[in-house]
Full PDB file with SEQRES, HELIX, SHEET, SSBOND, CRYST1, ORIGX, SCALE, CONECT and MASTER records, all heavy atoms in Angstrom:
SEQRES   1 A   32  PRO ALA GLY SER VAL VAL ARG SER PRO ALA GLY SER THR          
SEQRES   2 A   32  ASP ALA GLU ALA SER THR LEU PRO MET ASN GLY LEU THR          
SEQRES   3 A   32  ALA ARG LEU ALA LEU ASP                                      
HELIX    1 AA1 ALA A    2  SER A    4  5                                   3    
HELIX    2 AA2 ASP A   14  ALA A   17  1                                   4    
HELIX    3 AA3 PRO A   21  LEU A   31  1                                  11    
CRYST1    1.000    1.000    1.000  90.00  90.00  90.00 P 1           1          
ORIGX1      1.000000  0.000000  0.000000        0.00000                         
ORIGX2      0.000000  1.000000  0.000000        0.00000                         
ORIGX3      0.000000  0.000000  1.000000        0.00000                         
SCALE1      1.000000  0.000000  0.000000        0.00000                         
SCALE2      0.000000  1.000000  0.000000        0.00000                         
SCALE3      0.000000  0.000000  1.000000        0.00000                         
ATOM      1  N   PRO A   1       0.842  -1.199  -0.001  1.00  0.00           N  
ATOM      2  CA  PRO A   1      -0.001   0.000   0.000  1.00  0.00           C  
ATOM      3  C   PRO A   1       0.873   1.245   0.000  1.00  0.00           C  
ATOM      4  O   PRO A   1       1.906   1.290   0.686  1.00  0.00           O  
ATOM      5  CB  PRO A   1      -0.786  -0.122   1.315  1.00  0.00           C  
ATOM      6  CG  PRO A   1      -0.674  -1.553   1.729  1.00  0.00           C  
ATOM      7  CD  PRO A   1       0.627  -2.050   1.193  1.00  0.00           C  
ATOM      8  N   ALA A   2       0.473   2.262  -0.737  1.00  0.00           N  
ATOM      9  CA  ALA A   2       1.290   3.472  -0.822  1.00  0.00           C  
ATOM     10  C   ALA A   2       1.505   4.099   0.551  1.00  0.00           C  
ATOM     11  O   ALA A   2       2.533   4.731   0.797  1.00  0.00           O  
ATOM     12  CB  ALA A   2       0.628   4.477  -1.766  1.00  0.00           C  
ATOM     13  N   GLY A   3       0.553   3.906   1.460  1.00  0.00           N  
ATOM     14  CA  GLY A   3       0.681   4.465   2.797  1.00  0.00           C  
ATOM     15  C   GLY A   3       1.762   3.840   3.639  1.00  0.00           C  
ATOM     16  O   GLY A   3       2.114   4.362   4.696  1.00  0.00           O  
ATOM     17  N   SER A   4       2.297   2.699   3.187  1.00  0.00           N  
ATOM     18  CA  SER A   4       3.344   2.002   3.933  1.00  0.00           C  
ATOM     19  C   SER A   4       4.747   2.360   3.461  1.00  0.00           C  
ATOM     20  O   SER A   4       5.729   1.817   3.977  1.00  0.00           O  
ATOM     21  CB  SER A   4       3.161   0.480   3.807  1.00  0.00           C  
ATOM     22  OG  SER A   4       1.926   0.066   4.340  1.00  0.00           O  
ATOM     23  N   VAL A   5       4.857   3.259   2.485  1.00  0.00           N  
ATOM     24  CA  VAL A   5       6.134   3.532   1.820  1.00  0.00           C  
ATOM     25  C   VAL A   5       6.424   5.027   1.820  1.00  0.00           C  
ATOM     26  O   VAL A   5       5.565   5.834   1.444  1.00  0.00           O  
ATOM     27  CB  VAL A   5       6.113   3.005   0.368  1.00  0.00           C  
ATOM     28  CG1 VAL A   5       7.477   3.189  -0.287  1.00  0.00           C  
ATOM     29  CG2 VAL A   5       5.679   1.552   0.317  1.00  0.00           C  
ATOM     30  N   VAL A   6       7.630   5.388   2.233  1.00  0.00           N  
ATOM     31  CA  VAL A   6       8.074   6.782   2.165  1.00  0.00           C  
ATOM     32  C   VAL A   6       9.514   6.809   1.667  1.00  0.00           C  
ATOM     33  O   VAL A   6      10.167   5.774   1.563  1.00  0.00           O  
ATOM     34  CB  VAL A   6       7.994   7.497   3.533  1.00  0.00           C  
ATOM     35  CG1 VAL A   6       6.571   7.494   4.068  1.00  0.00           C  
ATOM     36  CG2 VAL A   6       8.949   6.880   4.541  1.00  0.00           C  
ATOM     37  N   ARG A   7      10.001   7.995   1.383  1.00  0.00           N  
ATOM     38  CA  ARG A   7      11.398   8.121   0.990  1.00  0.00           C  
ATOM     39  C   ARG A   7      12.310   7.702   2.148  1.00  0.00           C  
ATOM     40  O   ARG A   7      11.941   7.812   3.315  1.00  0.00           O  
ATOM     41  CB  ARG A   7      11.719   9.558   0.588  1.00  0.00           C  
ATOM     42  CG  ARG A   7      11.096   9.963  -0.748  1.00  0.00           C  
ATOM     43  CD  ARG A   7      11.507  11.373  -1.150  1.00  0.00           C  
ATOM     44  NE  ARG A   7      10.933  11.706  -2.459  1.00  0.00           N  
ATOM     45  CZ  ARG A   7       9.716  12.201  -2.624  1.00  0.00           C  
ATOM     46  NH1 ARG A   7       8.944  12.425  -1.576  1.00  0.00           N  
ATOM     47  NH2 ARG A   7       9.264  12.461  -3.836  1.00  0.00           N  
ATOM     48  N   SER A   8      13.494   7.258   1.803  1.00  0.00           N  
ATOM     49  CA  SER A   8      14.480   6.921   2.819  1.00  0.00           C  
ATOM     50  C   SER A   8      15.043   8.201   3.430  1.00  0.00           C  
ATOM     51  O   SER A   8      15.076   9.253   2.786  1.00  0.00           O  
ATOM     52  CB  SER A   8      15.608   6.098   2.197  1.00  0.00           C  
ATOM     53  OG  SER A   8      15.132   4.843   1.769  1.00  0.00           O  
ATOM     54  N   PRO A   9      15.499   8.129   4.682  1.00  0.00           N  
ATOM     55  CA  PRO A   9      16.058   9.332   5.326  1.00  0.00           C  
ATOM     56  C   PRO A   9      17.258   9.884   4.573  1.00  0.00           C  
ATOM     57  O   PRO A   9      18.061   9.142   4.011  1.00  0.00           O  
ATOM     58  CB  PRO A   9      16.473   8.818   6.708  1.00  0.00           C  
ATOM     59  CG  PRO A   9      15.612   7.627   6.953  1.00  0.00           C  
ATOM     60  CD  PRO A   9      15.440   6.984   5.609  1.00  0.00           C  
ATOM     61  N   ALA A  10      17.368  11.194   4.576  1.00  0.00           N  
ATOM     62  CA  ALA A  10      18.497  11.852   3.920  1.00  0.00           C  
ATOM     63  C   ALA A  10      19.804  11.345   4.514  1.00  0.00           C  
ATOM     64  O   ALA A  10      19.955  11.221   5.732  1.00  0.00           O  
ATOM     65  CB  ALA A  10      18.396  13.362   4.106  1.00  0.00           C  
ATOM     66  N   GLY A  11      20.741  11.012   3.632  1.00  0.00           N  
ATOM     67  CA  GLY A  11      22.062  10.598   4.068  1.00  0.00           C  
ATOM     68  C   GLY A  11      22.188   9.160   4.517  1.00  0.00           C  
ATOM     69  O   GLY A  11      23.268   8.732   4.911  1.00  0.00           O  
ATOM     70  N   SER A  12      21.093   8.392   4.440  1.00  0.00           N  
ATOM     71  CA  SER A  12      21.137   7.003   4.902  1.00  0.00           C  
ATOM     72  C   SER A  12      21.467   6.056   3.757  1.00  0.00           C  
ATOM     73  O   SER A  12      21.167   6.323   2.596  1.00  0.00           O  
ATOM     74  CB  SER A  12      19.789   6.592   5.503  1.00  0.00           C  
ATOM     75  OG  SER A  12      18.775   6.533   4.499  1.00  0.00           O  
ATOM     76  N   THR A  13      22.075   4.930   4.108  1.00  0.00           N  
ATOM     77  CA  THR A  13      22.203   3.833   3.154  1.00  0.00           C  
ATOM     78  C   THR A  13      20.904   3.034   3.172  1.00  0.00           C  
ATOM     79  O   THR A  13      20.064   3.192   4.072  1.00  0.00           O  
ATOM     80  CB  THR A  13      23.363   2.902   3.552  1.00  0.00           C  
ATOM     81  OG1 THR A  13      23.045   2.279   4.811  1.00  0.00           O  
ATOM     82  CG2 THR A  13      24.669   3.677   3.694  1.00  0.00           C  
ATOM     83  N   ASP A  14      20.736   2.143   2.197  1.00  0.00           N  
ATOM     84  CA  ASP A  14      19.535   1.309   2.199  1.00  0.00           C  
ATOM     85  C   ASP A  14      19.503   0.415   3.436  1.00  0.00           C  
ATOM     86  O   ASP A  14      18.434   0.204   4.030  1.00  0.00           O  
ATOM     87  CB  ASP A  14      19.485   0.453   0.927  1.00  0.00           C  
ATOM     88  CG  ASP A  14      19.155   1.274  -0.313  1.00  0.00           C  
ATOM     89  OD1 ASP A  14      18.824   2.468  -0.176  1.00  0.00           O  
ATOM     90  OD2 ASP A  14      19.240   0.714  -1.428  1.00  0.00           O  
ATOM     91  N   ALA A  15      20.653  -0.111   3.840  1.00  0.00           N  
ATOM     92  CA  ALA A  15      20.700  -0.950   5.036  1.00  0.00           C  
ATOM     93  C   ALA A  15      20.250  -0.153   6.258  1.00  0.00           C  
ATOM     94  O   ALA A  15      19.462  -0.639   7.088  1.00  0.00           O  
ATOM     95  CB  ALA A  15      22.095  -1.508   5.249  1.00  0.00           C  
ATOM     96  N   GLU A  16      20.735   1.058   6.395  1.00  0.00           N  
ATOM     97  CA  GLU A  16      20.329   1.895   7.529  1.00  0.00           C  
ATOM     98  C   GLU A  16      18.843   2.211   7.477  1.00  0.00           C  
ATOM     99  O   GLU A  16      18.141   2.129   8.501  1.00  0.00           O  
ATOM    100  CB  GLU A  16      21.147   3.182   7.534  1.00  0.00           C  
ATOM    101  CG  GLU A  16      22.606   2.978   7.914  1.00  0.00           C  
ATOM    102  CD  GLU A  16      23.455   4.203   7.661  1.00  0.00           C  
ATOM    103  OE1 GLU A  16      23.072   5.056   6.825  1.00  0.00           O  
ATOM    104  OE2 GLU A  16      24.523   4.308   8.294  1.00  0.00           O  
ATOM    105  N   ALA A  17      18.343   2.560   6.301  1.00  0.00           N  
ATOM    106  CA  ALA A  17      16.920   2.893   6.176  1.00  0.00           C  
ATOM    107  C   ALA A  17      16.026   1.722   6.555  1.00  0.00           C  
ATOM    108  O   ALA A  17      14.946   1.900   7.134  1.00  0.00           O  
ATOM    109  CB  ALA A  17      16.622   3.349   4.751  1.00  0.00           C  
ATOM    110  N   SER A  18      16.477   0.510   6.262  1.00  0.00           N  
ATOM    111  CA  SER A  18      15.647  -0.669   6.537  1.00  0.00           C  
ATOM    112  C   SER A  18      15.487  -0.931   8.031  1.00  0.00           C  
ATOM    113  O   SER A  18      14.613  -1.698   8.430  1.00  0.00           O  
ATOM    114  CB  SER A  18      16.241  -1.913   5.865  1.00  0.00           C  
ATOM    115  OG  SER A  18      17.375  -2.395   6.563  1.00  0.00           O  
ATOM    116  N   THR A  19      16.300  -0.304   8.869  1.00  0.00           N  
ATOM    117  CA  THR A  19      16.198  -0.541  10.312  1.00  0.00           C  
ATOM    118  C   THR A  19      15.115   0.295  10.979  1.00  0.00           C  
ATOM    119  O   THR A  19      14.807   0.076  12.151  1.00  0.00           O  
ATOM    120  CB  THR A  19      17.529  -0.226  11.023  1.00  0.00           C  
ATOM    121  OG1 THR A  19      17.781   1.189  10.967  1.00  0.00           O  
ATOM    122  CG2 THR A  19      18.687  -0.969  10.384  1.00  0.00           C  
ATOM    123  N   LEU A  20      14.536   1.242  10.258  1.00  0.00           N  
ATOM    124  CA  LEU A  20      13.656   2.221  10.902  1.00  0.00           C  
ATOM    125  C   LEU A  20      12.168   1.892  10.907  1.00  0.00           C  
ATOM    126  O   LEU A  20      11.509   2.085  11.936  1.00  0.00           O  
ATOM    127  CB  LEU A  20      13.883   3.590  10.258  1.00  0.00           C  
ATOM    128  CG  LEU A  20      13.039   4.750  10.792  1.00  0.00           C  
ATOM    129  CD1 LEU A  20      13.248   4.938  12.285  1.00  0.00           C  
ATOM    130  CD2 LEU A  20      13.375   6.043  10.038  1.00  0.00           C  
ATOM    131  N   PRO A  21      11.558   1.432   9.812  1.00  0.00           N  
ATOM    132  CA  PRO A  21      10.086   1.435   9.750  1.00  0.00           C  
ATOM    133  C   PRO A  21       9.366   0.676  10.861  1.00  0.00           C  
ATOM    134  O   PRO A  21       8.532   1.258  11.579  1.00  0.00           O  
ATOM    135  CB  PRO A  21       9.800   0.833   8.368  1.00  0.00           C  
ATOM    136  CG  PRO A  21      11.001   1.188   7.558  1.00  0.00           C  
ATOM    137  CD  PRO A  21      12.147   1.064   8.506  1.00  0.00           C  
ATOM    138  N   MET A  22       9.620  -0.607  11.038  1.00  0.00           N  
ATOM    139  CA  MET A  22       8.826  -1.391  11.985  1.00  0.00           C  
ATOM    140  C   MET A  22       9.094  -0.978  13.421  1.00  0.00           C  
ATOM    141  O   MET A  22       8.166  -0.670  14.178  1.00  0.00           O  
ATOM    142  CB  MET A  22       9.083  -2.879  11.787  1.00  0.00           C  
ATOM    143  CG  MET A  22       8.171  -3.780  12.608  1.00  0.00           C  
ATOM    144  SD  MET A  22       8.850  -4.191  14.230  1.00  0.00           S  
ATOM    145  CE  MET A  22      10.142  -5.352  13.765  1.00  0.00           C  
ATOM    146  N   ASN A  23      10.372  -0.959  13.834  1.00  0.00           N  
ATOM    147  CA  ASN A  23      10.670  -0.580  15.211  1.00  0.00           C  
ATOM    148  C   ASN A  23      10.346   0.885  15.481  1.00  0.00           C  
ATOM    149  O   ASN A  23       9.871   1.231  16.566  1.00  0.00           O  
ATOM    150  CB  ASN A  23      12.128  -0.865  15.545  1.00  0.00           C  
ATOM    151  CG  ASN A  23      12.395  -2.328  15.812  1.00  0.00           C  
ATOM    152  OD1 ASN A  23      13.297  -2.917  15.243  1.00  0.00           O  
ATOM    153  ND2 ASN A  23      11.609  -2.949  16.674  1.00  0.00           N  
ATOM    154  N   GLY A  24      10.613   1.741  14.511  1.00  0.00           N  
ATOM    155  CA  GLY A  24      10.316   3.156  14.696  1.00  0.00           C  
ATOM    156  C   GLY A  24       8.824   3.407  14.854  1.00  0.00           C  
ATOM    157  O   GLY A  24       8.391   4.156  15.737  1.00  0.00           O  
ATOM    158  N   LEU A  25       8.019   2.776  14.007  1.00  0.00           N  
ATOM    159  CA  LEU A  25       6.566   2.941  14.116  1.00  0.00           C  
ATOM    160  C   LEU A  25       6.025   2.315  15.395  1.00  0.00           C  
ATOM    161  O   LEU A  25       5.084   2.840  16.003  1.00  0.00           O  
ATOM    162  CB  LEU A  25       5.871   2.330  12.902  1.00  0.00           C  
ATOM    163  CG  LEU A  25       5.928   3.147  11.616  1.00  0.00           C  
ATOM    164  CD1 LEU A  25       5.359   2.344  10.449  1.00  0.00           C  
ATOM    165  CD2 LEU A  25       5.161   4.465  11.756  1.00  0.00           C  
ATOM    166  N   THR A  26       6.594   1.189  15.814  1.00  0.00           N  
ATOM    167  CA  THR A  26       6.153   0.574  17.062  1.00  0.00           C  
ATOM    168  C   THR A  26       6.453   1.496  18.241  1.00  0.00           C  
ATOM    169  O   THR A  26       5.619   1.668  19.143  1.00  0.00           O  
ATOM    170  CB  THR A  26       6.824  -0.790  17.272  1.00  0.00           C  
ATOM    171  OG1 THR A  26       6.630  -1.609  16.120  1.00  0.00           O  
ATOM    172  CG2 THR A  26       6.226  -1.508  18.475  1.00  0.00           C  
ATOM    173  N   ALA A  27       7.632   2.100  18.232  1.00  0.00           N  
ATOM    174  CA  ALA A  27       7.986   3.048  19.285  1.00  0.00           C  
ATOM    175  C   ALA A  27       7.060   4.256  19.271  1.00  0.00           C  
ATOM    176  O   ALA A  27       6.590   4.722  20.320  1.00  0.00           O  
ATOM    177  CB  ALA A  27       9.447   3.480  19.125  1.00  0.00           C  
ATOM    178  N   ARG A  28       6.788   4.766  18.085  1.00  0.00           N  
ATOM    179  CA  ARG A  28       5.888   5.919  17.971  1.00  0.00           C  
ATOM    180  C   ARG A  28       4.481   5.577  18.464  1.00  0.00           C  
ATOM    181  O   ARG A  28       3.847   6.355  19.195  1.00  0.00           O  
ATOM    182  CB  ARG A  28       5.845   6.370  16.506  1.00  0.00           C  
ATOM    183  CG  ARG A  28       4.993   7.607  16.220  1.00  0.00           C  
ATOM    184  CD  ARG A  28       5.582   8.854  16.816  1.00  0.00           C  
ATOM    185  NE  ARG A  28       5.024   9.149  18.127  1.00  0.00           N  
ATOM    186  CZ  ARG A  28       5.591   9.989  18.988  1.00  0.00           C  
ATOM    187  NH1 ARG A  28       6.720  10.596  18.682  1.00  0.00           N  
ATOM    188  NH2 ARG A  28       5.039  10.217  20.159  1.00  0.00           N  
ATOM    189  N   LEU A  29       3.999   4.403  18.088  1.00  0.00           N  
ATOM    190  CA  LEU A  29       2.680   3.970  18.526  1.00  0.00           C  
ATOM    191  C   LEU A  29       2.643   3.801  20.041  1.00  0.00           C  
ATOM    192  O   LEU A  29       1.662   4.190  20.692  1.00  0.00           O  
ATOM    193  CB  LEU A  29       2.302   2.662  17.828  1.00  0.00           C  
ATOM    194  CG  LEU A  29       0.975   2.019  18.231  1.00  0.00           C  
ATOM    195  CD1 LEU A  29      -0.196   2.965  18.011  1.00  0.00           C  
ATOM    196  CD2 LEU A  29       0.752   0.711  17.460  1.00  0.00           C  
ATOM    197  N   ALA A  30       3.687   3.223  20.631  1.00  0.00           N  
ATOM    198  CA  ALA A  30       3.733   3.037  22.076  1.00  0.00           C  
ATOM    199  C   ALA A  30       3.590   4.371  22.802  1.00  0.00           C  
ATOM    200  O   ALA A  30       2.810   4.499  23.757  1.00  0.00           O  
ATOM    201  CB  ALA A  30       5.035   2.350  22.475  1.00  0.00           C  
ATOM    202  N   LEU A  31       4.323   5.365  22.342  1.00  0.00           N  
ATOM    203  CA  LEU A  31       4.230   6.684  22.970  1.00  0.00           C  
ATOM    204  C   LEU A  31       2.879   7.329  22.730  1.00  0.00           C  
ATOM    205  O   LEU A  31       2.300   7.955  23.631  1.00  0.00           O  
ATOM    206  CB  LEU A  31       5.355   7.576  22.461  1.00  0.00           C  
ATOM    207  CG  LEU A  31       6.753   7.199  22.962  1.00  0.00           C  
ATOM    208  CD1 LEU A  31       7.831   7.888  22.144  1.00  0.00           C  
ATOM    209  CD2 LEU A  31       6.908   7.539  24.447  1.00  0.00           C  
ATOM    210  N   ASP A  32       2.340   7.172  21.545  1.00  0.00           N  
ATOM    211  CA  ASP A  32       1.027   7.749  21.252  1.00  0.00           C  
ATOM    212  C   ASP A  32      -0.057   7.115  22.111  1.00  0.00           C  
ATOM    213  O   ASP A  32      -0.967   7.802  22.600  1.00  0.00           O  
ATOM    214  CB  ASP A  32       0.691   7.581  19.770  1.00  0.00           C  
ATOM    215  CG  ASP A  32       1.548   8.442  18.857  1.00  0.00           C  
ATOM    216  OD1 ASP A  32       2.273   9.322  19.375  1.00  0.00           O  
ATOM    217  OD2 ASP A  32       1.505   8.227  17.626  1.00  0.00           O  
TER     218      ASP A  32                                                      
MASTER        0    0    0    3    0    0    0    6  217    1    0    3          
END                                                                             
């Protein structure tokens, strides 16, 4: 789904970018 995809962070490698979505969103949801 298009809603699940965004640009990778500026200055990141693909490997670095892949570490963010699931854990980052889980952390954001926990705080919310």
